[in-house]
Amino acid sequence: MSSATQRILIVERDTKYREWLRLHLAILYPQAAIGTLDPEDSHAMSGLATGRACEGLILSADFGAGDEPGEPEGVKLVRTLRSSDAAPVLVALAERGNELTAIQALRAGAADYLPKRLLTPSRLKSALDRAFVALDRSMPEARAAATKRRAAAPLATGQPTITGYEIIRTLSESEKAVVYLAESRALGTEVALKVSKIPCEDRAKQALAREYQAILAVHDPAVVRIFDHGIEDGYEYLAMEYFPHGDLKARMQVGVTESEALRFLEKIGSALAVVHRAGLLHRDLKPPNVMLRESDNVVLIDFGLARLLDVSHHSTYTGVLRGSPYYMSPEQALGEKLDPRSDLYSLGVIFHEMLTGRKPFMGNSAMEVLQQHVNASPPRLPPSLSGYAELLARLLAKRREDRFASAEELIAACVALRHGSRGRAQSAA
């Protein structure tokens, strides 16, 4: 499955189990957009068979005991959701059920049937991977048409209409928002238009307004420029600078040399210094949130989780993770109060990934990854990269007192290391 272009929707009544599934899938498919839906939302459920809302559907339902009169409700639901050729691939998670209901579900159109009580993240991933591969092989034209429709109108309610903007295509999507490439009629240029997928019912729920205010507090080329913020048809939008050269994640997939990794580390550190001097914490630093200009200068985006430094604010709420588990500091994983050294830890994870091509901590669940951030030692760098070990150790220290005290201190260490490396190379010559 090409997770960069896939969207997976979880249909589950139980809020806690729904969140558990979402967190696991976010680890298993880090590039995919993972959404959730309560089956009681009949309006949203009615549109799932069109294939517009998602590409992969995980349906949790009651499949009965198999000896009850009539077709089980779970089977009926599978049949309804798979009634169209454009319908998303569907994996059924069975509450109750037996071999007979499994056969009925597969005949109704489910790609796989997994008893909920036996479910593990690896079994779920295997089922999804097989389902996508089988569907791609058997229905290439239908899949291509469905993908084209999703690119044109990714929101379940259709592509939004924002006054003053002409939407060109989708750039990215998360559970809460879609980012479009759009033409601003007022500016006469292309912008990134971020549109919330959550109806804006009152001022307290205007998440993009908070992001807008956070970014307005920083005036620097290292932080994305904001052009406009508003609400249309009950949904918030945010117009900001567009970066045609992509993000650090895409650049890392092509390959980053040691010297480039050190240079990016210094540049991101400089950007964080700007943010921290403005009194903000980013709290969600990761490669997709580091954009690149043509000159390879970096720009930080996505300040949706940013918080003021002087506000006592814990990083998590009960049962909810804020940010990406792969890049969270130990104190963020524990829900403790954060400070600038927490952003520097996230930058250390990025630096390790740039140097080695691998994240320092991996796992089969978000909780497993977070536990490693708190308790496990980072993997040793290979001998060829040992010159960066001390720098990386200070960035990834479990105790924030053992990390660099500030972004400026990190920058000084980068400069010293870069000059030292250059001096050794000249001596060797």
Protein backbone atom coordinates (compact mmCIF):
# COMPACT_ATOMS: atom_id res chain seq x y z
CA MET A 1 0.00 0.00 0.00
CA SER A 2 1.30 3.47 -0.89
CA SER A 3 0.58 5.16 2.42
CA ALA A 4 1.47 8.61 1.07
CA THR A 5 -1.78 8.63 -0.90
CA GLN A 6 -4.03 6.49 1.30
CA ARG A 7 -6.72 7.56 3.71
CA ILE A 8 -8.08 5.12 6.24
CA LEU A 9 -11.31 5.63 8.18
CA ILE A 10 -12.18 3.81 11.40
CA VAL A 11 -15.86 3.22 12.14
CA GLU A 12 -16.25 2.32 15.82
CA ARG A 13 -18.79 3.19 18.53
CA ASP A 14 -16.47 2.99 21.52
CA THR A 15 -14.51 6.25 21.83
CA LYS A 16 -11.51 4.74 23.65
CA TYR A 17 -11.20 1.78 21.30
CA ARG A 18 -11.55 4.11 18.31
CA GLU A 19 -8.64 6.20 19.62
CA TRP A 20 -6.60 3.04 20.31
CA LEU A 21 -7.05 1.93 16.71
CA ARG A 22 -6.20 5.39 15.38
CA LEU A 23 -2.95 5.60 17.36
CA HIS A 24 -1.84 2.15 16.22
CA LEU A 25 -2.60 2.91 12.58
CA ALA A 26 -0.73 6.21 12.83
CA ILE A 27 2.36 4.20 13.81
CA LEU A 28 1.83 1.49 11.17
CA TYR A 29 1.08 3.96 8.36
CA PRO A 30 2.91 7.18 9.30
CA GLN A 31 2.19 8.88 5.96
CA ALA A 32 -1.50 8.00 5.77
CA ALA A 33 -4.37 10.19 6.94
CA ILE A 34 -6.23 8.31 9.69
CA GLY A 35 -9.80 9.41 10.39
CA THR A 36 -12.49 8.16 12.78
CA LEU A 37 -16.26 8.04 12.62
CA ASP A 38 -19.00 7.16 15.06
CA PRO A 39 -21.50 4.86 13.25
CA GLU A 40 -24.30 6.84 14.92
CA ASP A 41 -23.47 9.67 12.51
CA SER A 42 -25.94 8.50 9.88
CA HIS A 43 -25.26 11.39 7.49
CA ALA A 44 -21.54 10.63 7.27
CA MET A 45 -22.17 6.88 7.10
CA SER A 46 -24.51 7.29 4.15
CA GLY A 47 -21.71 8.72 2.00
CA LEU A 48 -19.08 6.05 2.65
CA ALA A 49 -20.09 3.76 -0.22
CA THR A 50 -19.13 6.44 -2.75
CA GLY A 51 -15.43 6.13 -1.92
CA ARG A 52 -15.11 9.92 -1.52
CA ALA A 53 -14.42 9.94 2.21
CA CYS A 54 -11.63 7.35 2.35
CA GLU A 55 -9.79 4.61 0.53
CA GLY A 56 -9.67 2.04 3.30
CA LEU A 57 -12.46 1.39 5.78
CA ILE A 58 -12.13 -0.46 9.10
CA LEU A 59 -15.63 -1.38 10.22
CA SER A 60 -16.26 -2.52 13.78
CA ALA A 61 -19.72 -4.08 14.06
CA ASP A 62 -21.78 -6.75 15.77
CA PHE A 63 -21.93 -9.88 13.61
CA GLY A 64 -24.16 -11.80 16.01
CA ALA A 65 -23.85 -15.45 16.98
CA GLY A 66 -24.67 -16.88 13.55
CA ASP A 67 -27.70 -18.80 14.81
CA GLU A 68 -30.06 -15.84 15.06
CA PRO A 69 -32.88 -15.38 12.52
CA GLY A 70 -32.10 -13.14 9.55
CA GLU A 71 -28.86 -11.63 8.38
CA PRO A 72 -26.64 -10.15 11.14
CA GLU A 73 -26.52 -6.34 11.33
CA GLY A 74 -22.78 -6.36 10.67
CA VAL A 75 -23.24 -8.26 7.42
CA LYS A 76 -26.02 -5.90 6.31
CA LEU A 77 -23.74 -2.95 7.00
CA VAL A 78 -20.89 -4.50 4.99
CA ARG A 79 -23.24 -5.12 2.07
CA THR A 80 -24.47 -1.50 2.17
CA LEU A 81 -21.01 0.00 2.38
CA ARG A 82 -19.70 -2.19 -0.46
CA SER A 83 -22.66 -1.51 -2.76
CA SER A 84 -20.65 0.57 -5.24
CA ASP A 85 -17.60 -0.22 -7.40
CA ALA A 86 -16.03 2.95 -6.04
CA ALA A 87 -16.55 1.86 -2.41
CA PRO A 88 -13.48 1.77 -0.16
CA VAL A 89 -11.78 -1.51 0.64
CA LEU A 90 -13.34 -2.80 3.87
CA VAL A 91 -11.88 -4.84 6.73
CA ALA A 92 -14.48 -6.06 9.22
CA LEU A 93 -13.73 -6.17 12.96
CA ALA A 94 -16.27 -8.57 14.41
CA GLU A 95 -17.89 -8.22 17.79
CA ARG A 96 -19.27 -11.71 18.48
CA GLY A 97 -19.61 -13.65 15.21
CA ASN A 98 -18.26 -17.07 14.15
CA GLU A 99 -17.14 -18.94 11.00
CA LEU A 100 -20.59 -18.64 9.41
CA THR A 101 -20.78 -14.87 9.88
CA ALA A 102 -17.21 -14.59 8.59
CA ILE A 103 -18.25 -16.27 5.36
CA GLN A 104 -21.34 -14.05 5.12
CA ALA A 105 -19.25 -10.91 5.62
CA LEU A 106 -16.72 -11.92 2.96
CA ARG A 107 -19.52 -12.73 0.51
CA ALA A 108 -21.07 -9.32 1.26
CA GLY A 109 -17.88 -7.62 0.15
CA ALA A 110 -15.49 -7.46 3.12
CA ALA A 111 -11.86 -7.88 2.09
CA ASP A 112 -11.08 -9.53 5.43
CA TYR A 113 -12.82 -10.49 8.65
CA LEU A 114 -11.01 -10.26 12.01
CA PRO A 115 -12.52 -11.25 15.36
CA LYS A 116 -12.16 -8.17 17.54
CA ARG A 117 -11.09 -10.17 20.60
CA LEU A 118 -8.10 -11.59 18.69
CA LEU A 119 -7.05 -8.36 17.02
CA THR A 120 -3.42 -7.23 17.12
CA PRO A 121 -1.82 -4.30 15.27
CA SER A 122 0.22 -6.65 13.08
CA ARG A 123 -2.85 -8.68 12.07
CA LEU A 124 -4.72 -5.49 11.22
CA LYS A 125 -1.84 -4.20 9.09
CA SER A 126 -1.52 -7.53 7.25
CA ALA A 127 -5.24 -7.54 6.50
CA LEU A 128 -5.19 -3.97 5.20
CA ASP A 129 -2.06 -4.51 3.10
CA ARG A 130 -3.51 -7.64 1.47
CA ALA A 131 -6.83 -5.91 0.84
CA PHE A 132 -5.25 -2.92 -0.90
CA VAL A 133 -2.99 -5.08 -3.05
CA ALA A 134 -5.87 -7.32 -4.13
CA LEU A 135 -8.09 -4.37 -4.96
CA ASP A 136 -5.37 -2.57 -6.93
CA ARG A 137 -4.83 -5.69 -9.05
CA SER A 138 -8.47 -6.50 -9.67
CA MET A 139 -9.91 -3.01 -10.22
CA PRO A 140 -7.19 -0.68 -11.53
CA GLU A 141 -9.55 1.54 -13.52
CA ALA A 142 -12.05 1.92 -10.71
CA ARG A 143 -9.25 2.63 -8.25
CA ALA A 144 -7.74 5.26 -10.53
CA ALA A 145 -11.13 6.93 -10.94
CA ALA A 146 -11.74 6.90 -7.19
CA THR A 147 -8.29 8.38 -6.52
CA LYS A 148 -8.98 11.15 -9.04
CA ARG A 149 -12.28 11.97 -7.35
CA ARG A 150 -10.64 12.06 -3.92
CA ALA A 151 -7.89 14.39 -5.15
CA ALA A 152 -10.53 16.76 -6.47
CA ALA A 153 -12.85 16.60 -3.46
CA PRO A 154 -11.27 15.01 -0.37
CA LEU A 155 -13.76 16.26 2.19
CA ALA A 156 -16.76 13.99 2.70
CA THR A 157 -18.97 17.05 2.11
CA GLY A 158 -17.16 17.90 -1.16
CA GLN A 159 -14.55 20.47 -2.03
CA PRO A 160 -15.12 23.69 -0.08
CA THR A 161 -15.77 27.06 -1.66
CA ILE A 162 -13.77 29.84 -0.02
CA THR A 163 -14.49 33.36 -1.27
CA GLY A 164 -11.44 34.87 -2.94
CA TYR A 165 -9.64 31.56 -3.54
CA GLU A 166 -9.63 29.10 -6.43
CA ILE A 167 -8.69 25.63 -5.22
CA ILE A 168 -6.26 23.82 -7.54
CA ARG A 169 -5.51 20.51 -5.81
CA THR A 170 -5.03 18.81 -2.44
CA LEU A 171 -1.57 19.06 -0.88
CA SER A 172 -2.09 17.07 2.32
CA GLU A 173 -4.75 15.94 4.76
CA SER A 174 -5.02 15.04 8.42
CA GLU A 175 -7.89 13.97 10.61
CA LYS A 176 -8.77 17.59 11.39
CA ALA A 177 -7.89 19.60 8.29
CA VAL A 178 -7.15 19.56 4.57
CA VAL A 179 -4.45 21.72 2.98
CA TYR A 180 -5.08 22.78 -0.60
CA LEU A 181 -2.97 24.54 -3.20
CA ALA A 182 -5.09 27.53 -4.13
CA GLU A 183 -4.87 30.73 -6.13
CA SER A 184 -5.49 33.89 -4.10
CA ARG A 185 -7.34 36.40 -6.26
CA ALA A 186 -6.37 39.26 -3.95
CA LEU A 187 -2.66 38.41 -3.93
CA GLY A 188 -2.46 37.06 -7.47
CA THR A 189 -0.31 34.17 -6.28
CA GLU A 190 -0.53 30.56 -5.11
CA VAL A 191 -1.10 29.92 -1.41
CA ALA A 192 -1.51 26.94 0.88
CA LEU A 193 -5.13 27.01 2.05
CA LYS A 194 -5.74 25.06 5.25
CA VAL A 195 -9.42 24.25 5.81
CA SER A 196 -10.74 22.70 9.01
CA LYS A 197 -12.86 19.57 8.70
CA ILE A 198 -14.50 20.29 12.06
CA PRO A 199 -17.48 22.68 12.10
CA CYS A 200 -16.68 25.90 13.94
CA GLU A 201 -19.50 26.23 16.45
CA ASP A 202 -18.07 28.92 18.71
CA ARG A 203 -14.97 31.05 19.27
CA ALA A 204 -13.47 28.61 21.80
CA LYS A 205 -13.32 25.91 19.14
CA GLN A 206 -11.52 27.96 16.49
CA ALA A 207 -8.29 25.97 16.39
CA LEU A 208 -7.00 27.70 13.26
CA ALA A 209 -7.56 31.08 14.91
CA ARG A 210 -5.15 30.04 17.67
CA GLU A 211 -2.62 28.91 15.08
CA TYR A 212 -3.12 32.22 13.24
CA GLN A 213 -2.42 34.22 16.39
CA ALA A 214 0.63 32.11 17.24
CA ILE A 215 2.24 32.66 13.85
CA LEU A 216 1.40 36.37 13.83
CA ALA A 217 3.58 36.71 16.92
CA VAL A 218 6.66 35.77 14.86
CA HIS A 219 7.94 37.89 11.98
CA ASP A 220 10.82 35.99 10.43
CA PRO A 221 11.55 34.15 7.15
CA ALA A 222 12.10 30.99 9.23
CA VAL A 223 8.38 30.88 10.10
CA VAL A 224 5.60 30.50 7.54
CA ARG A 225 3.88 33.72 6.46
CA ILE A 226 0.15 33.99 7.11
CA PHE A 227 -2.04 35.97 4.70
CA ASP A 228 -5.62 35.42 5.79
CA HIS A 229 -7.89 33.74 8.31
CA GLY A 230 -11.65 33.43 8.31
CA ILE A 231 -14.77 31.28 8.51
CA GLU A 232 -16.95 30.32 5.58
CA ASP A 233 -20.02 28.07 5.68
CA GLY A 234 -19.17 27.22 9.29
CA TYR A 235 -15.60 26.02 8.58
CA GLU A 236 -12.37 27.81 9.42
CA TYR A 237 -9.68 28.45 6.85
CA LEU A 238 -6.12 29.75 6.96
CA ALA A 239 -4.22 31.06 3.91
CA MET A 240 -0.46 30.89 4.16
CA GLU A 241 2.76 30.76 2.20
CA TYR A 242 3.12 27.88 -0.29
CA PHE A 243 6.41 26.00 -0.65
CA PRO A 244 6.74 24.29 -4.06
CA HIS A 245 10.06 22.70 -3.05
CA GLY A 246 8.36 20.49 -0.48
CA ASP A 247 9.30 19.48 3.03
CA LEU A 248 12.22 17.91 4.86
CA LYS A 249 10.54 14.52 4.93
CA ALA A 250 10.51 14.32 1.12
CA ARG A 251 14.10 15.53 1.04
CA MET A 252 15.17 12.84 3.53
CA GLN A 253 13.54 10.17 1.38
CA VAL A 254 15.82 11.22 -1.49
CA GLY A 255 18.84 11.11 0.81
CA VAL A 256 20.74 13.53 3.03
CA THR A 257 24.54 13.56 3.42
CA GLU A 258 26.25 13.99 6.81
CA SER A 259 27.20 17.58 6.04
CA GLU A 260 23.66 18.34 4.85
CA ALA A 261 22.21 16.79 8.02
CA LEU A 262 24.43 19.00 10.18
CA ARG A 263 23.52 22.05 8.12
CA PHE A 264 19.79 21.30 8.40
CA LEU A 265 20.22 20.76 12.16
CA GLU A 266 21.78 24.20 12.50
CA LYS A 267 19.13 25.86 10.33
CA ILE A 268 16.22 24.27 12.19
CA GLY A 269 17.91 25.21 15.46
CA SER A 270 18.07 28.81 14.24
CA ALA A 271 14.36 28.68 13.35
CA LEU A 272 13.54 27.34 16.81
CA ALA A 273 15.60 30.13 18.36
CA VAL A 274 13.35 32.63 16.57
CA VAL A 275 10.21 30.85 17.77
CA HIS A 276 11.43 30.53 21.36
CA ARG A 277 12.51 34.20 21.49
CA ALA A 278 8.95 35.07 20.45
CA GLY A 279 7.75 33.23 23.55
CA LEU A 280 6.40 30.13 21.81
CA LEU A 281 6.94 26.38 21.91
CA HIS A 282 6.27 24.50 18.68
CA ARG A 283 5.42 21.14 20.33
CA ASP A 284 4.97 19.27 17.04
CA LEU A 285 8.37 19.45 15.34
CA LYS A 286 8.78 16.71 12.73
CA PRO A 287 10.08 16.52 9.13
CA PRO A 288 6.69 17.24 7.44
CA ASN A 289 6.49 20.48 9.45
CA VAL A 290 9.86 21.71 8.15
CA MET A 291 9.42 23.22 4.69
CA LEU A 292 12.25 24.06 2.29
CA ARG A 293 12.83 27.13 0.19
CA GLU A 294 14.66 26.97 -3.13
CA SER A 295 17.88 27.88 -1.29
CA ASP A 296 17.37 24.96 1.13
CA ASN A 297 16.62 27.41 3.93
CA VAL A 298 14.06 25.96 6.31
CA VAL A 299 10.66 27.29 7.32
CA LEU A 300 8.62 25.98 10.25
CA ILE A 301 4.90 25.40 9.70
CA ASP A 302 1.91 23.91 11.55
CA PHE A 303 1.71 25.82 14.82
CA GLY A 304 -1.60 24.23 15.73
CA LEU A 305 -0.11 22.83 18.96
CA ALA A 306 2.09 25.84 19.74
CA ARG A 307 1.84 27.26 23.26
CA LEU A 308 3.16 30.32 25.06
CA LEU A 309 6.26 29.67 27.13
CA ASP A 310 4.96 31.52 30.17
CA VAL A 311 1.68 29.60 30.32
CA SER A 312 1.50 26.56 32.59
CA HIS A 313 0.16 24.04 30.10
CA HIS A 314 0.56 20.31 30.08
CA SER A 315 1.18 18.61 26.77
CA THR A 316 -1.58 16.02 26.90
CA TYR A 317 -5.17 15.65 27.98
CA THR A 318 -6.57 12.50 29.51
CA GLY A 319 -6.57 9.75 26.90
CA VAL A 320 -5.41 12.03 24.06
CA LEU A 321 -1.95 12.32 22.54
CA ARG A 322 -0.92 15.69 21.12
CA GLY A 323 1.78 15.48 18.47
CA SER A 324 3.59 12.63 16.75
CA PRO A 325 4.74 9.80 19.06
CA TYR A 326 7.92 9.32 17.02
CA TYR A 327 9.19 12.82 17.85
CA MET A 328 7.87 13.41 21.37
CA SER A 329 10.20 14.26 24.23
CA PRO A 330 10.02 12.09 27.37
CA GLU A 331 8.31 14.91 29.28
CA GLN A 332 5.75 15.36 26.50
CA ALA A 333 5.05 11.61 26.54
CA LEU A 334 4.48 11.86 30.30
CA GLY A 335 2.18 14.87 29.97
CA GLU A 336 4.50 17.18 31.91
CA LYS A 337 4.99 20.91 31.43
CA LEU A 338 7.24 21.63 28.43
CA ASP A 339 9.99 24.14 27.73
CA PRO A 340 12.31 24.93 24.77
CA ARG A 341 14.43 21.86 25.50
CA SER A 342 11.42 19.72 24.56
CA ASP A 343 11.50 21.10 21.01
CA LEU A 344 15.27 20.44 20.95
CA TYR A 345 14.66 16.78 21.81
CA SER A 346 12.29 16.50 18.83
CA LEU A 347 15.01 18.07 16.69
CA GLY A 348 17.42 15.42 17.99
CA VAL A 349 15.10 12.70 16.72
CA ILE A 350 15.05 14.38 13.31
CA PHE A 351 18.87 14.64 13.31
CA HIS A 352 19.23 10.94 14.12
CA GLU A 353 16.83 10.13 11.30
CA MET A 354 18.74 12.33 8.85
CA LEU A 355 22.06 10.69 9.76
CA THR A 356 20.95 7.05 9.80
CA GLY A 357 17.78 6.95 7.71
CA ARG A 358 15.94 5.50 10.72
CA LYS A 359 14.01 6.89 13.66
CA PRO A 360 15.71 6.09 16.98
CA PHE A 361 12.61 4.52 18.50
CA MET A 362 10.13 2.27 16.73
CA GLY A 363 7.35 0.00 17.97
CA ASN A 364 4.08 -1.74 17.18
CA SER A 365 2.03 0.85 19.05
CA ALA A 366 2.17 4.50 20.00
CA MET A 367 2.46 3.53 23.66
CA GLU A 368 5.46 1.31 22.95
CA VAL A 369 7.23 4.16 21.14
CA LEU A 370 6.47 6.63 23.93
CA GLN A 371 7.77 4.22 26.56
CA GLN A 372 11.04 4.01 24.68
CA HIS A 373 11.34 7.80 24.63
CA VAL A 374 10.98 7.73 28.41
CA ASN A 375 13.08 4.68 29.28
CA ALA A 376 15.19 3.31 26.41
CA SER A 377 18.67 4.44 25.39
CA PRO A 378 18.99 5.67 21.81
CA PRO A 379 20.69 3.20 19.45
CA ARG A 380 24.42 3.69 18.96
CA LEU A 381 25.53 5.46 15.83
CA PRO A 382 27.68 3.39 13.45
CA PRO A 383 31.46 4.01 13.76
CA SER A 384 31.45 6.17 10.62
CA LEU A 385 29.10 8.62 12.36
CA SER A 386 30.73 8.56 15.80
CA GLY A 387 31.79 12.18 15.45
CA TYR A 388 28.16 13.19 15.96
CA ALA A 389 27.55 10.97 19.01
CA GLU A 390 28.19 13.63 21.67
CA LEU A 391 26.00 16.20 19.92
CA LEU A 392 23.18 13.69 19.48
CA ALA A 393 23.48 12.45 23.07
CA ARG A 394 22.90 15.97 24.39
CA LEU A 395 19.88 16.44 22.15
CA LEU A 396 18.30 13.09 23.10
CA ALA A 397 19.10 13.13 26.83
CA LYS A 398 16.21 11.79 28.91
CA ARG A 399 16.65 14.52 31.54
CA ARG A 400 16.15 17.91 29.98
CA GLU A 401 18.82 19.29 32.35
CA ASP A 402 21.34 17.23 30.36
CA ARG A 403 20.30 18.71 27.01
CA PHE A 404 21.38 21.95 25.40
CA ALA A 405 19.96 24.79 27.48
CA SER A 406 18.78 26.70 24.41
CA ALA A 407 18.66 26.64 20.62
CA GLU A 408 21.49 29.19 20.60
CA GLU A 409 23.70 26.78 22.54
CA LEU A 410 22.91 24.05 20.00
CA ILE A 411 23.78 26.37 17.12
CA ALA A 412 27.16 27.15 18.70
CA ALA A 413 27.85 23.42 19.04
CA CYS A 414 26.94 22.85 15.39
CA VAL A 415 29.27 25.64 14.26
CA ALA A 416 32.11 24.26 16.38
CA LEU A 417 31.60 20.75 15.05
CA ARG A 418 31.37 21.94 11.47
CA HIS A 419 34.58 23.96 11.78
CA GLY A 420 36.31 21.10 13.58
CA SER A 421 35.32 18.65 10.84
CA ARG A 422 36.60 21.04 8.18
CA GLY A 423 39.90 21.48 10.03
CA ARG A 424 40.43 17.71 10.27
CA ALA A 425 39.68 17.30 6.57
CA GLN A 426 42.22 20.01 5.67
CA SER A 427 44.86 18.43 7.93
CA ALA A 428 44.32 15.06 6.30
CA ALA A 429 44.78 16.64 2.87
